[in-house]
Amino acid sequence: MNLTKTITMITAMSLTFTSYLEAKEVHDIVYGNVSSVLITTADSKILEGTIAGGALGLAIGDSALHTLNGAALGFAVTSIIEGDRRVFLYTINVDGNERKIAMQEGGIGEGRCVAIETQGKHTNVRGVSSAFCQHKGHQALTSTDIVKQQQSQAQQCKKARELVLTANNDKEIDHALVKVRALCE
């Protein structure tokens, strides 16, 4: 076997393995309506026991906010850009149960249908078509192409948020934040 064929085979195997790993990154996605939005701050007692989502959740992991020693870590990105320490506490009705998720990003209003995307320790809230809340379980919404599209959007959003946390300078942060807005809102 010549060197070119060997390199081609190794590259193909590497790409196949990478695709396999990405396919294993499945998000648990549930849909619900936002019943309330509370704007508070990072150090508020109101946030005790809530799920930290978005870039905040990626930065601090699975910890409840009240257990943090220095919530500044989760807000470093926002502070750099805006000097803003606001937190948006979303109460979301999912099949009659309330879920509270704290996010750094606002822009999702009461009544809006959202996807709650969870993968491991990462949770994201993203606005979606009202069809997902009005027609839960409908055959069209559970079709393979729709499920794949929603999984792809969840994964792209997660990767964009990870870029924010690994940015090294103002230009990279700006680029990453625009990407987050484009893919996660």
C-alpha atoms as a PDB file:
ATOM      1  CA  MET A   1       0.000   0.000   0.000  1.00  0.00           C
ATOM      2  CA  ASN A   2       1.475   3.361  -0.941  1.00  0.00           C
ATOM      3  CA  LEU A   3       1.672   6.392   1.333  1.00  0.00           C
ATOM      4  CA  THR A   4      -1.155   8.271  -0.425  1.00  0.00           C
ATOM      5  CA  LYS A   5      -3.606   5.376   0.034  1.00  0.00           C
ATOM      6  CA  THR A   6      -2.585   5.000   3.677  1.00  0.00           C
ATOM      7  CA  ILE A   7      -3.118   8.704   4.373  1.00  0.00           C
ATOM      8  CA  THR A   8      -6.463   8.612   2.553  1.00  0.00           C
ATOM      9  CA  MET A   9      -7.619   5.609   4.617  1.00  0.00           C
ATOM     10  CA  ILE A  10      -6.527   7.205   7.896  1.00  0.00           C
ATOM     11  CA  THR A  11      -8.288  10.452   6.982  1.00  0.00           C
ATOM     12  CA  ALA A  12     -11.483   8.592   6.038  1.00  0.00           C
ATOM     13  CA  MET A  13     -11.420   6.596   9.284  1.00  0.00           C
ATOM     14  CA  SER A  14     -10.832   9.780  11.267  1.00  0.00           C
ATOM     15  CA  LEU A  15     -13.762  11.547   9.598  1.00  0.00           C
ATOM     16  CA  THR A  16     -16.000   8.527  10.168  1.00  0.00           C
ATOM     17  CA  PHE A  17     -15.028   8.401  13.854  1.00  0.00           C
ATOM     18  CA  THR A  18     -15.630  12.158  14.225  1.00  0.00           C
ATOM     19  CA  SER A  19     -19.068  11.807  12.599  1.00  0.00           C
ATOM     20  CA  TYR A  20     -19.827   8.896  14.928  1.00  0.00           C
ATOM     21  CA  LEU A  21     -18.899  10.953  17.992  1.00  0.00           C
ATOM     22  CA  GLU A  22     -20.985  13.913  16.838  1.00  0.00           C
ATOM     23  CA  ALA A  23     -23.948  11.610  16.190  1.00  0.00           C
ATOM     24  CA  LYS A  24     -23.704  10.390  19.795  1.00  0.00           C
ATOM     25  CA  GLU A  25     -24.127  13.970  21.066  1.00  0.00           C
ATOM     26  CA  VAL A  26     -27.898  13.823  21.394  1.00  0.00           C
ATOM     27  CA  HIS A  27     -29.822  16.499  23.258  1.00  0.00           C
ATOM     28  CA  ASP A  28     -32.928  15.788  25.297  1.00  0.00           C
ATOM     29  CA  ILE A  29     -35.371  18.339  23.876  1.00  0.00           C
ATOM     30  CA  VAL A  30     -38.711  19.196  25.457  1.00  0.00           C
ATOM     31  CA  TYR A  31     -41.051  21.997  24.489  1.00  0.00           C
ATOM     32  CA  GLY A  32     -43.028  24.356  26.668  1.00  0.00           C
ATOM     33  CA  ASN A  33     -44.432  27.847  27.014  1.00  0.00           C
ATOM     34  CA  VAL A  34     -42.734  30.584  29.015  1.00  0.00           C
ATOM     35  CA  SER A  35     -45.131  31.485  31.822  1.00  0.00           C
ATOM     36  CA  SER A  36     -42.974  34.197  33.390  1.00  0.00           C
ATOM     37  CA  VAL A  37     -39.682  36.028  33.022  1.00  0.00           C
ATOM     38  CA  LEU A  38     -37.983  37.572  36.024  1.00  0.00           C
ATOM     39  CA  ILE A  39     -34.967  39.822  35.587  1.00  0.00           C
ATOM     40  CA  THR A  40     -32.604  39.624  38.530  1.00  0.00           C
ATOM     41  CA  THR A  41     -28.857  39.601  39.255  1.00  0.00           C
ATOM     42  CA  ALA A  42     -26.245  36.881  39.593  1.00  0.00           C
ATOM     43  CA  ASP A  43     -26.109  37.067  43.364  1.00  0.00           C
ATOM     44  CA  SER A  44     -29.874  37.064  43.960  1.00  0.00           C
ATOM     45  CA  LYS A  45     -31.354  34.570  46.436  1.00  0.00           C
ATOM     46  CA  ILE A  46     -34.210  34.144  43.941  1.00  0.00           C
ATOM     47  CA  LEU A  47     -31.920  31.981  41.820  1.00  0.00           C
ATOM     48  CA  GLU A  48     -31.284  29.358  44.492  1.00  0.00           C
ATOM     49  CA  GLY A  49     -31.911  25.885  43.145  1.00  0.00           C
ATOM     50  CA  THR A  50     -32.504  26.900  39.532  1.00  0.00           C
ATOM     51  CA  ILE A  51     -30.862  25.371  36.488  1.00  0.00           C
ATOM     52  CA  ALA A  52     -28.069  27.482  35.036  1.00  0.00           C
ATOM     53  CA  GLY A  53     -28.407  27.493  31.269  1.00  0.00           C
ATOM     54  CA  GLY A  54     -26.626  28.877  28.223  1.00  0.00           C
ATOM     55  CA  ALA A  55     -23.059  30.123  28.525  1.00  0.00           C
ATOM     56  CA  LEU A  56     -23.623  30.499  32.260  1.00  0.00           C
ATOM     57  CA  GLY A  57     -24.362  26.795  32.524  1.00  0.00           C
ATOM     58  CA  LEU A  58     -21.341  25.869  30.425  1.00  0.00           C
ATOM     59  CA  ALA A  59     -19.088  28.035  32.560  1.00  0.00           C
ATOM     60  CA  ILE A  60     -20.202  26.704  35.932  1.00  0.00           C
ATOM     61  CA  GLY A  61     -21.364  23.199  35.126  1.00  0.00           C
ATOM     62  CA  ASP A  62     -24.269  21.508  36.839  1.00  0.00           C
ATOM     63  CA  SER A  63     -24.098  23.394  40.148  1.00  0.00           C
ATOM     64  CA  ALA A  64     -27.116  25.185  41.498  1.00  0.00           C
ATOM     65  CA  LEU A  65     -26.396  28.902  41.558  1.00  0.00           C
ATOM     66  CA  HIS A  66     -26.569  29.209  45.346  1.00  0.00           C
ATOM     67  CA  THR A  67     -23.599  26.859  45.760  1.00  0.00           C
ATOM     68  CA  LEU A  68     -21.204  28.970  43.719  1.00  0.00           C
ATOM     69  CA  ASN A  69     -18.216  30.677  45.252  1.00  0.00           C
ATOM     70  CA  GLY A  70     -17.916  33.610  42.908  1.00  0.00           C
ATOM     71  CA  ALA A  71     -20.666  33.729  40.325  1.00  0.00           C
ATOM     72  CA  ALA A  72     -18.408  36.116  38.423  1.00  0.00           C
ATOM     73  CA  LEU A  73     -17.077  33.174  36.416  1.00  0.00           C
ATOM     74  CA  GLY A  74     -20.439  32.570  34.801  1.00  0.00           C
ATOM     75  CA  PHE A  75     -20.848  36.238  34.012  1.00  0.00           C
ATOM     76  CA  ALA A  76     -17.338  36.966  32.792  1.00  0.00           C
ATOM     77  CA  VAL A  77     -18.368  36.986  29.157  1.00  0.00           C
ATOM     78  CA  THR A  78     -21.345  39.280  29.678  1.00  0.00           C
ATOM     79  CA  SER A  79     -19.338  41.555  31.939  1.00  0.00           C
ATOM     80  CA  ILE A  80     -16.608  41.903  29.332  1.00  0.00           C
ATOM     81  CA  ILE A  81     -19.061  42.886  26.643  1.00  0.00           C
ATOM     82  CA  GLU A  82     -21.750  44.847  28.454  1.00  0.00           C
ATOM     83  CA  GLY A  83     -20.821  45.207  32.085  1.00  0.00           C
ATOM     84  CA  ASP A  84     -24.235  43.616  32.608  1.00  0.00           C
ATOM     85  CA  ARG A  85     -24.846  41.170  35.460  1.00  0.00           C
ATOM     86  CA  ARG A  86     -28.543  40.636  34.780  1.00  0.00           C
ATOM     87  CA  VAL A  87     -29.949  37.139  34.802  1.00  0.00           C
ATOM     88  CA  PHE A  88     -33.221  36.184  33.160  1.00  0.00           C
ATOM     89  CA  LEU A  89     -35.099  33.581  35.174  1.00  0.00           C
ATOM     90  CA  TYR A  90     -37.516  31.791  32.868  1.00  0.00           C
ATOM     91  CA  THR A  91     -40.397  29.788  34.292  1.00  0.00           C
ATOM     92  CA  ILE A  92     -41.487  27.359  31.602  1.00  0.00           C
ATOM     93  CA  ASN A  93     -44.606  25.198  31.654  1.00  0.00           C
ATOM     94  CA  VAL A  94     -43.778  21.754  30.262  1.00  0.00           C
ATOM     95  CA  ASP A  95     -46.745  19.381  30.264  1.00  0.00           C
ATOM     96  CA  GLY A  96     -48.219  20.955  33.403  1.00  0.00           C
ATOM     97  CA  ASN A  97     -44.919  21.100  35.303  1.00  0.00           C
ATOM     98  CA  GLU A  98     -42.875  24.248  35.884  1.00  0.00           C
ATOM     99  CA  ARG A  99     -39.166  24.346  35.113  1.00  0.00           C
ATOM    100  CA  LYS A 100     -37.040  27.321  36.139  1.00  0.00           C
ATOM    101  CA  ILE A 101     -33.949  28.071  34.091  1.00  0.00           C
ATOM    102  CA  ALA A 102     -31.588  31.029  34.553  1.00  0.00           C
ATOM    103  CA  MET A 103     -30.003  32.429  31.389  1.00  0.00           C
ATOM    104  CA  GLN A 104     -27.752  35.377  30.644  1.00  0.00           C
ATOM    105  CA  GLU A 105     -29.707  36.175  27.522  1.00  0.00           C
ATOM    106  CA  GLY A 106     -33.075  37.871  27.456  1.00  0.00           C
ATOM    107  CA  GLY A 107     -35.344  38.275  24.493  1.00  0.00           C
ATOM    108  CA  ILE A 108     -37.778  35.444  25.160  1.00  0.00           C
ATOM    109  CA  GLY A 109     -41.126  36.770  26.318  1.00  0.00           C
ATOM    110  CA  GLU A 110     -44.050  35.325  28.229  1.00  0.00           C
ATOM    111  CA  GLY A 111     -46.209  33.008  26.156  1.00  0.00           C
ATOM    112  CA  ARG A 112     -43.388  32.109  23.766  1.00  0.00           C
ATOM    113  CA  CYS A 113     -42.944  28.476  22.796  1.00  0.00           C
ATOM    114  CA  VAL A 114     -39.403  27.337  23.600  1.00  0.00           C
ATOM    115  CA  ALA A 115     -37.228  24.271  23.313  1.00  0.00           C
ATOM    116  CA  ILE A 116     -35.379  23.253  26.464  1.00  0.00           C
ATOM    117  CA  GLU A 117     -32.291  21.490  25.143  1.00  0.00           C
ATOM    118  CA  THR A 118     -30.296  19.432  27.626  1.00  0.00           C
ATOM    119  CA  GLN A 119     -27.141  17.461  26.980  1.00  0.00           C
ATOM    120  CA  GLY A 120     -25.138  16.293  29.948  1.00  0.00           C
ATOM    121  CA  LYS A 121     -24.580  19.335  32.142  1.00  0.00           C
ATOM    122  CA  HIS A 122     -25.578  21.853  29.456  1.00  0.00           C
ATOM    123  CA  THR A 123     -29.084  23.322  29.214  1.00  0.00           C
ATOM    124  CA  ASN A 124     -30.265  25.888  26.701  1.00  0.00           C
ATOM    125  CA  VAL A 125     -33.582  27.645  26.139  1.00  0.00           C
ATOM    126  CA  ARG A 126     -34.321  28.614  22.547  1.00  0.00           C
ATOM    127  CA  GLY A 127     -37.443  30.105  20.994  1.00  0.00           C
ATOM    128  CA  VAL A 128     -39.131  27.824  18.448  1.00  0.00           C
ATOM    129  CA  SER A 129     -42.269  27.748  16.322  1.00  0.00           C
ATOM    130  CA  SER A 130     -45.501  27.674  18.319  1.00  0.00           C
ATOM    131  CA  ALA A 131     -46.350  24.454  16.446  1.00  0.00           C
ATOM    132  CA  PHE A 132     -44.059  22.543  18.834  1.00  0.00           C
ATOM    133  CA  CYS A 133     -46.202  23.604  21.811  1.00  0.00           C
ATOM    134  CA  GLN A 134     -49.615  23.550  20.137  1.00  0.00           C
ATOM    135  CA  HIS A 135     -49.235  20.144  18.475  1.00  0.00           C
ATOM    136  CA  LYS A 136     -47.020  18.166  20.872  1.00  0.00           C
ATOM    137  CA  GLY A 137     -46.423  14.627  19.680  1.00  0.00           C
ATOM    138  CA  HIS A 138     -47.886  15.311  16.232  1.00  0.00           C
ATOM    139  CA  GLN A 139     -46.555  12.891  13.632  1.00  0.00           C
ATOM    140  CA  ALA A 140     -45.121  15.724  11.517  1.00  0.00           C
ATOM    141  CA  LEU A 141     -43.113  17.067  14.479  1.00  0.00           C
ATOM    142  CA  THR A 142     -41.748  13.653  15.430  1.00  0.00           C
ATOM    143  CA  SER A 143     -40.650  12.788  11.902  1.00  0.00           C
ATOM    144  CA  THR A 144     -36.988  11.946  11.401  1.00  0.00           C
ATOM    145  CA  ASP A 145     -36.214  15.086   9.400  1.00  0.00           C
ATOM    146  CA  ILE A 146     -37.725  17.455  12.004  1.00  0.00           C
ATOM    147  CA  VAL A 147     -36.041  15.641  14.914  1.00  0.00           C
ATOM    148  CA  LYS A 148     -32.672  15.728  13.113  1.00  0.00           C
ATOM    149  CA  GLN A 149     -33.098  19.435  12.379  1.00  0.00           C
ATOM    150  CA  GLN A 150     -33.886  20.231  16.028  1.00  0.00           C
ATOM    151  CA  GLN A 151     -30.921  18.126  17.222  1.00  0.00           C
ATOM    152  CA  SER A 152     -28.644  19.887  14.741  1.00  0.00           C
ATOM    153  CA  GLN A 153     -29.804  23.319  15.889  1.00  0.00           C
ATOM    154  CA  ALA A 154     -29.264  22.370  19.536  1.00  0.00           C
ATOM    155  CA  GLN A 155     -25.743  21.123  18.790  1.00  0.00           C
ATOM    156  CA  GLN A 156     -24.841  24.219  16.738  1.00  0.00           C
ATOM    157  CA  CYS A 157     -26.050  26.462  19.557  1.00  0.00           C
ATOM    158  CA  LYS A 158     -24.012  24.547  22.140  1.00  0.00           C
ATOM    159  CA  LYS A 159     -20.869  24.794  20.003  1.00  0.00           C
ATOM    160  CA  ALA A 160     -21.421  28.536  19.531  1.00  0.00           C
ATOM    161  CA  ARG A 161     -21.699  29.022  23.306  1.00  0.00           C
ATOM    162  CA  GLU A 162     -18.496  27.044  23.815  1.00  0.00           C
ATOM    163  CA  LEU A 163     -16.745  29.451  21.425  1.00  0.00           C
ATOM    164  CA  VAL A 164     -17.675  32.353  23.705  1.00  0.00           C
ATOM    165  CA  LEU A 165     -16.017  30.644  26.644  1.00  0.00           C
ATOM    166  CA  THR A 166     -12.820  29.901  24.732  1.00  0.00           C
ATOM    167  CA  ALA A 167     -12.475  33.293  23.033  1.00  0.00           C
ATOM    168  CA  ASN A 168      -9.103  34.934  23.662  1.00  0.00           C
ATOM    169  CA  ASN A 169      -9.675  38.533  22.617  1.00  0.00           C
ATOM    170  CA  ASP A 170     -12.369  41.132  21.908  1.00  0.00           C
ATOM    171  CA  LYS A 171     -12.638  40.208  18.226  1.00  0.00           C
ATOM    172  CA  GLU A 172     -13.139  36.506  19.002  1.00  0.00           C
ATOM    173  CA  ILE A 173     -15.667  37.335  21.734  1.00  0.00           C
ATOM    174  CA  ASP A 174     -17.625  39.604  19.378  1.00  0.00           C
ATOM    175  CA  HIS A 175     -17.585  36.943  16.643  1.00  0.00           C
ATOM    176  CA  ALA A 176     -18.724  34.250  19.082  1.00  0.00           C
ATOM    177  CA  LEU A 177     -21.529  36.373  20.576  1.00  0.00           C
ATOM    178  CA  VAL A 178     -22.950  37.189  17.143  1.00  0.00           C
ATOM    179  CA  LYS A 179     -22.841  33.477  16.337  1.00  0.00           C
ATOM    180  CA  VAL A 180     -24.682  32.678  19.590  1.00  0.00           C
ATOM    181  CA  ARG A 181     -27.416  35.185  18.745  1.00  0.00           C
ATOM    182  CA  ALA A 182     -27.756  33.760  15.238  1.00  0.00           C
ATOM    183  CA  LEU A 183     -27.908  30.121  16.340  1.00  0.00           C
ATOM    184  CA  CYS A 184     -29.451  30.204  19.811  1.00  0.00           C
ATOM    185  CA  GLU A 185     -32.247  32.772  19.723  1.00  0.00           C
END
